[in-house]
Amino acid sequence: MSEPKRKTLKRKGAGGRAVHDVGGLDMGPIERAEHDPALWEKRTDAMLILLRDNKRRVLSVDSHRRAIEDYGQQAYDSTTYYEKWIRSIRNLLVEQEVLTREEIEARMAEVRARHEKAGRTTSKEKIPW
């Protein structure tokens, strides 16, 4: 397994705070309305639980948090809560050498093609590594 490289970046104009340290900063209004999680959000949560359980222990809470905290300011600010989670899972699976980038991209292409064939809308946008 490769050793992760810590790369916590600083938030511009925040007095030396890390990108993820936004407590007390003016980040705009907070959406307080309750909403049911989308199916992909539920699946992301389930995936993380399975990958962190005591038997599998593929990922740890600390590694998951580290991966999210290492995002750059633009990536951190422009992604939603579960988008941060799924991106972290993907990056950690590659970092821990469970899967390769190529394997993940190939699987995503298969899923995208299946959804398009079924008439569902899919995003062509790739999430940056």
C-alpha atoms as a PDB file:
ATOM      1  CA  MET A   1       0.000   0.000   0.000  1.00  0.00           C
ATOM      2  CA  SER A   2       1.254   3.449  -0.816  1.00  0.00           C
ATOM      3  CA  GLU A   3       1.731   5.999   1.929  1.00  0.00           C
ATOM      4  CA  PRO A   4      -0.723   8.926   1.617  1.00  0.00           C
ATOM      5  CA  LYS A   5       0.764  12.354   1.042  1.00  0.00           C
ATOM      6  CA  ARG A   6      -0.697  15.011   3.328  1.00  0.00           C
ATOM      7  CA  LYS A   7      -1.411  18.112   1.288  1.00  0.00           C
ATOM      8  CA  THR A   8      -3.770  20.237   3.362  1.00  0.00           C
ATOM      9  CA  LEU A   9      -4.071  23.561   1.592  1.00  0.00           C
ATOM     10  CA  LYS A  10      -4.770  26.961   3.127  1.00  0.00           C
ATOM     11  CA  ARG A  11      -8.012  28.893   2.541  1.00  0.00           C
ATOM     12  CA  LYS A  12      -7.404  32.261   0.871  1.00  0.00           C
ATOM     13  CA  GLY A  13      -8.184  35.221   3.084  1.00  0.00           C
ATOM     14  CA  ALA A  14      -8.862  33.084   6.167  1.00  0.00           C
ATOM     15  CA  GLY A  15      -5.806  33.831   8.287  1.00  0.00           C
ATOM     16  CA  GLY A  16      -3.982  30.569   7.720  1.00  0.00           C
ATOM     17  CA  ARG A  17      -6.971  28.255   8.142  1.00  0.00           C
ATOM     18  CA  ALA A  18      -7.127  25.041   6.158  1.00  0.00           C
ATOM     19  CA  VAL A  19      -9.560  24.823   3.231  1.00  0.00           C
ATOM     20  CA  HIS A  20     -12.067  22.724   5.208  1.00  0.00           C
ATOM     21  CA  ASP A  21     -11.976  24.965   8.314  1.00  0.00           C
ATOM     22  CA  VAL A  22     -14.926  27.243   7.510  1.00  0.00           C
ATOM     23  CA  GLY A  23     -16.474  27.621  10.963  1.00  0.00           C
ATOM     24  CA  GLY A  24     -17.371  31.267  11.586  1.00  0.00           C
ATOM     25  CA  LEU A  25     -16.555  32.384   8.046  1.00  0.00           C
ATOM     26  CA  ASP A  26     -19.183  34.033   5.860  1.00  0.00           C
ATOM     27  CA  MET A  27     -20.049  31.190   3.483  1.00  0.00           C
ATOM     28  CA  GLY A  28     -23.530  32.406   2.554  1.00  0.00           C
ATOM     29  CA  PRO A  29     -26.899  31.091   3.701  1.00  0.00           C
ATOM     30  CA  ILE A  30     -27.286  27.570   5.020  1.00  0.00           C
ATOM     31  CA  GLU A  31     -30.017  25.426   3.470  1.00  0.00           C
ATOM     32  CA  ARG A  32     -31.946  24.260   6.525  1.00  0.00           C
ATOM     33  CA  ALA A  33     -34.859  22.555   4.794  1.00  0.00           C
ATOM     34  CA  GLU A  34     -35.090  18.831   5.419  1.00  0.00           C
ATOM     35  CA  HIS A  35     -34.932  16.658   2.351  1.00  0.00           C
ATOM     36  CA  ASP A  36     -34.934  12.969   1.669  1.00  0.00           C
ATOM     37  CA  PRO A  37     -31.527  11.776   0.528  1.00  0.00           C
ATOM     38  CA  ALA A  38     -31.309  10.844  -3.138  1.00  0.00           C
ATOM     39  CA  LEU A  39     -30.744   7.180  -3.962  1.00  0.00           C
ATOM     40  CA  TRP A  40     -27.082   7.796  -4.855  1.00  0.00           C
ATOM     41  CA  GLU A  41     -26.545   9.555  -1.502  1.00  0.00           C
ATOM     42  CA  LYS A  42     -28.012   6.566   0.359  1.00  0.00           C
ATOM     43  CA  ARG A  43     -25.783   4.249  -1.649  1.00  0.00           C
ATOM     44  CA  THR A  44     -22.730   6.384  -0.938  1.00  0.00           C
ATOM     45  CA  ASP A  45     -23.488   6.221   2.785  1.00  0.00           C
ATOM     46  CA  ALA A  46     -23.950   2.431   2.616  1.00  0.00           C
ATOM     47  CA  MET A  47     -20.713   2.010   0.661  1.00  0.00           C
ATOM     48  CA  LEU A  48     -18.770   3.967   3.250  1.00  0.00           C
ATOM     49  CA  ILE A  49     -20.268   1.920   6.096  1.00  0.00           C
ATOM     50  CA  LEU A  50     -19.321  -1.335   4.356  1.00  0.00           C
ATOM     51  CA  LEU A  51     -15.785  -0.168   3.572  1.00  0.00           C
ATOM     52  CA  ARG A  52     -15.217   0.980   7.173  1.00  0.00           C
ATOM     53  CA  ASP A  53     -16.709  -2.006   9.008  1.00  0.00           C
ATOM     54  CA  ASN A  54     -14.533  -4.056  11.366  1.00  0.00           C
ATOM     55  CA  LYS A  55     -14.309  -7.096   9.073  1.00  0.00           C
ATOM     56  CA  ARG A  56     -13.347  -5.348   5.839  1.00  0.00           C
ATOM     57  CA  ARG A  57     -11.591  -2.255   7.202  1.00  0.00           C
ATOM     58  CA  VAL A  58     -10.677  -1.016   3.734  1.00  0.00           C
ATOM     59  CA  LEU A  59     -11.029   2.614   4.805  1.00  0.00           C
ATOM     60  CA  SER A  60     -10.921   4.345   8.153  1.00  0.00           C
ATOM     61  CA  VAL A  61     -12.852   7.356   9.389  1.00  0.00           C
ATOM     62  CA  ASP A  62      -9.547   9.214   9.649  1.00  0.00           C
ATOM     63  CA  SER A  63      -8.479   8.442   6.079  1.00  0.00           C
ATOM     64  CA  HIS A  64     -11.914   9.464   4.799  1.00  0.00           C
ATOM     65  CA  ARG A  65     -11.705  12.763   6.652  1.00  0.00           C
ATOM     66  CA  ARG A  66      -8.089  13.351   5.520  1.00  0.00           C
ATOM     67  CA  ALA A  67      -9.038  12.828   1.880  1.00  0.00           C
ATOM     68  CA  ILE A  68     -11.842  15.391   2.152  1.00  0.00           C
ATOM     69  CA  GLU A  69      -9.680  17.874   4.043  1.00  0.00           C
ATOM     70  CA  ASP A  70      -7.030  17.652   1.312  1.00  0.00           C
ATOM     71  CA  TYR A  71      -9.320  19.049  -1.404  1.00  0.00           C
ATOM     72  CA  GLY A  72      -8.409  22.407  -2.813  1.00  0.00           C
ATOM     73  CA  GLN A  73     -10.602  25.379  -1.935  1.00  0.00           C
ATOM     74  CA  GLN A  74     -12.476  25.401  -5.254  1.00  0.00           C
ATOM     75  CA  ALA A  75     -13.214  21.655  -5.074  1.00  0.00           C
ATOM     76  CA  TYR A  76     -14.210  21.849  -1.416  1.00  0.00           C
ATOM     77  CA  ASP A  77     -16.530  24.825  -1.898  1.00  0.00           C
ATOM     78  CA  SER A  78     -18.151  23.596  -5.113  1.00  0.00           C
ATOM     79  CA  THR A  79     -19.069  20.062  -4.029  1.00  0.00           C
ATOM     80  CA  THR A  80     -21.956  18.934  -1.874  1.00  0.00           C
ATOM     81  CA  TYR A  81     -21.657  16.848   1.264  1.00  0.00           C
ATOM     82  CA  TYR A  82     -22.155  13.471  -0.435  1.00  0.00           C
ATOM     83  CA  GLU A  83     -20.144  14.507  -3.480  1.00  0.00           C
ATOM     84  CA  LYS A  84     -17.224  15.009  -1.096  1.00  0.00           C
ATOM     85  CA  TRP A  85     -17.879  11.544   0.350  1.00  0.00           C
ATOM     86  CA  ILE A  86     -18.039   9.682  -2.972  1.00  0.00           C
ATOM     87  CA  ARG A  87     -14.961  11.477  -4.296  1.00  0.00           C
ATOM     88  CA  SER A  88     -13.104  10.580  -1.104  1.00  0.00           C
ATOM     89  CA  ILE A  89     -14.120   6.915  -1.397  1.00  0.00           C
ATOM     90  CA  ARG A  90     -12.985   6.796  -5.008  1.00  0.00           C
ATOM     91  CA  ASN A  91      -9.640   8.447  -4.265  1.00  0.00           C
ATOM     92  CA  LEU A  92      -8.959   6.258  -1.227  1.00  0.00           C
ATOM     93  CA  LEU A  93      -9.743   3.047  -3.117  1.00  0.00           C
ATOM     94  CA  VAL A  94      -7.067   4.045  -5.635  1.00  0.00           C
ATOM     95  CA  GLU A  95      -4.656   5.250  -2.946  1.00  0.00           C
ATOM     96  CA  GLN A  96      -5.040   1.982  -1.015  1.00  0.00           C
ATOM     97  CA  GLU A  97      -4.569   0.046  -4.281  1.00  0.00           C
ATOM     98  CA  VAL A  98      -7.951  -1.676  -4.021  1.00  0.00           C
ATOM     99  CA  LEU A  99      -8.868  -0.474  -7.535  1.00  0.00           C
ATOM    100  CA  THR A 100      -7.065   1.430 -10.267  1.00  0.00           C
ATOM    101  CA  ARG A 101      -8.228   4.640 -11.877  1.00  0.00           C
ATOM    102  CA  GLU A 102      -8.692   2.712 -15.105  1.00  0.00           C
ATOM    103  CA  GLU A 103     -10.941   0.135 -13.423  1.00  0.00           C
ATOM    104  CA  ILE A 104     -13.107   2.852 -11.895  1.00  0.00           C
ATOM    105  CA  GLU A 105     -13.353   4.814 -15.168  1.00  0.00           C
ATOM    106  CA  ALA A 106     -14.239   1.638 -17.123  1.00  0.00           C
ATOM    107  CA  ARG A 107     -16.974   0.728 -14.649  1.00  0.00           C
ATOM    108  CA  MET A 108     -18.369   4.253 -14.741  1.00  0.00           C
ATOM    109  CA  ALA A 109     -18.478   4.092 -18.555  1.00  0.00           C
ATOM    110  CA  GLU A 110     -20.431   0.805 -18.330  1.00  0.00           C
ATOM    111  CA  VAL A 111     -22.922   2.273 -15.874  1.00  0.00           C
ATOM    112  CA  ARG A 112     -23.297   5.447 -17.956  1.00  0.00           C
ATOM    113  CA  ALA A 113     -23.965   3.403 -21.125  1.00  0.00           C
ATOM    114  CA  ARG A 114     -26.540   1.227 -19.330  1.00  0.00           C
ATOM    115  CA  HIS A 115     -28.373   4.292 -18.040  1.00  0.00           C
ATOM    116  CA  GLU A 116     -28.349   5.990 -21.447  1.00  0.00           C
ATOM    117  CA  LYS A 117     -29.700   2.819 -23.067  1.00  0.00           C
ATOM    118  CA  ALA A 118     -32.542   2.844 -20.530  1.00  0.00           C
ATOM    119  CA  GLY A 119     -33.321   6.469 -21.453  1.00  0.00           C
ATOM    120  CA  ARG A 120     -31.974   8.007 -18.261  1.00  0.00           C
ATOM    121  CA  THR A 121     -30.070  11.254 -18.212  1.00  0.00           C
ATOM    122  CA  THR A 122     -26.404  10.918 -17.372  1.00  0.00           C
ATOM    123  CA  SER A 123     -23.654  13.417 -16.781  1.00  0.00           C
ATOM    124  CA  LYS A 124     -20.688  13.354 -19.144  1.00  0.00           C
ATOM    125  CA  GLU A 125     -18.704  15.409 -16.656  1.00  0.00           C
ATOM    126  CA  LYS A 126     -15.841  13.595 -14.971  1.00  0.00           C
ATOM    127  CA  ILE A 127     -15.044  14.379 -11.376  1.00  0.00           C
ATOM    128  CA  PRO A 128     -11.431  15.591 -11.110  1.00  0.00           C
ATOM    129  CA  TRP A 129      -9.017  13.266  -9.334  1.00  0.00           C
END
